[in-house]
Amino acid sequence: MILCIRLRPEAADADLSRLVRLLAEFTPVVQAVPPGEALADVRGALRYFGWTAAELASVVRVRALALYGMDCVIGVGPTPMAARVAAREAGPGATLVVEDTAAFLRDRPVAALDGVGRTTARTLCGYGLDTVGRVADAPLAVLQRLVGARAGRELWERARGIDRSAVVPNAAARSMATEHGFSRDELDPAEHRRALLALAAELGARMRTEHQVCRSLAVTVRYADRTVTSRTRTLREPTAHTAALTSAAYALLASFGLQRARVRGIALRAEGLGPAEGAGRQLTFDPVDEKVRRIEAVADRAREKYGPGAVVPGSLARRRPRRGRLPDGPGGGSGAEAA
């Protein structure tokens, strides 16, 4: 059986590291899924302790609350997909156990399936395939015609409860993030943008240092009442270029329509990390872009020699926001979390 433990949205990223260490006391097969989720294969633990999956989940929740003050919801299922869906369906502080994945998923909306985003869900719903059961009953050829051969087969299998994924301990980092916390409720949009500029510059420098690029960006805004809002945007091309990251981050921030919102913190996450040498870049005849990239390379060398604060964007030179780099991921390393 697989356990999926989800922390509250307002939980700090350091809590994920604590959760992984807690789960490691029961099983070595633990995978962190940032920003606030962990998967654990507990089949060996159930045989060793002689517990049911629900009993083990109760012990994990009690220890997380007693030792670290972390409240969580837990989903239990025979596959990682079933456990994740169960965790999303479970109420606060509850455990939901799934025995028959196909039966559990059948009446759920198609968007509940892993790998089905808003665009795919909209396409399927346009053809009346709005529930998992209807997708499971549809001919494989129809699904492949709608969403593609490979994606169609994966969708058809998942709708029938077939999940070929596994819990991968110490998985390669697929994202990295950094966060800025305001000392007071910040209403000024200029301060929000200034914080995002600093975060994008830091993420870009870190990715270039590690020779990585990202495929998408996610902005998370934390408000004074502890609620959070997150949005993600896929980039036009994989990049670690600070100017491109900043432009995408600004567009995401504008889409929130914050106006006079009381913002307590902003986080920026680079997702879909991959090696820079394998990424293509659209060439341009704009000499300004090439000049900016050359200056960026020189600034990176200066930071490597004199420290991260050696070169900063001009708008941050006078009032540099106090950035809080997220703690190292559960598997250690440079602060990039494993997904």
Foldseek 3Di string as FASTA:
>chain_A
DKKKKFFDPLDAQVLQLVLQVLLVVQPQLKAGDPDGMIMDDRPVSCVVVVDDPQVVVVVSQVCSCVVPVIWIEMEAEPAPLRRVLQRVVDDTNYYHYDYQQLVVQFAAFLCSGPPQDPVNCVQCVVVVNGGLNSLLPDDLVVQCVRPHNVVSVVSNCVSNVHDPDDRHPPADFFKFKWKFFDPFFDQDVVVVLLRLLQRLLVQLLVCVVVQKWFQKKKKKWAAPVRDIDMDMDGFPWTHSQSVSSSVRVVVVVVVVVCNRTRTGMMMMMGGRMDHNVPTDDDDDPDVVVVVSVVVSVVVSVVCVVPNPPPDDDPVCPVPPGDIGGRDAESSGDDRRHHD
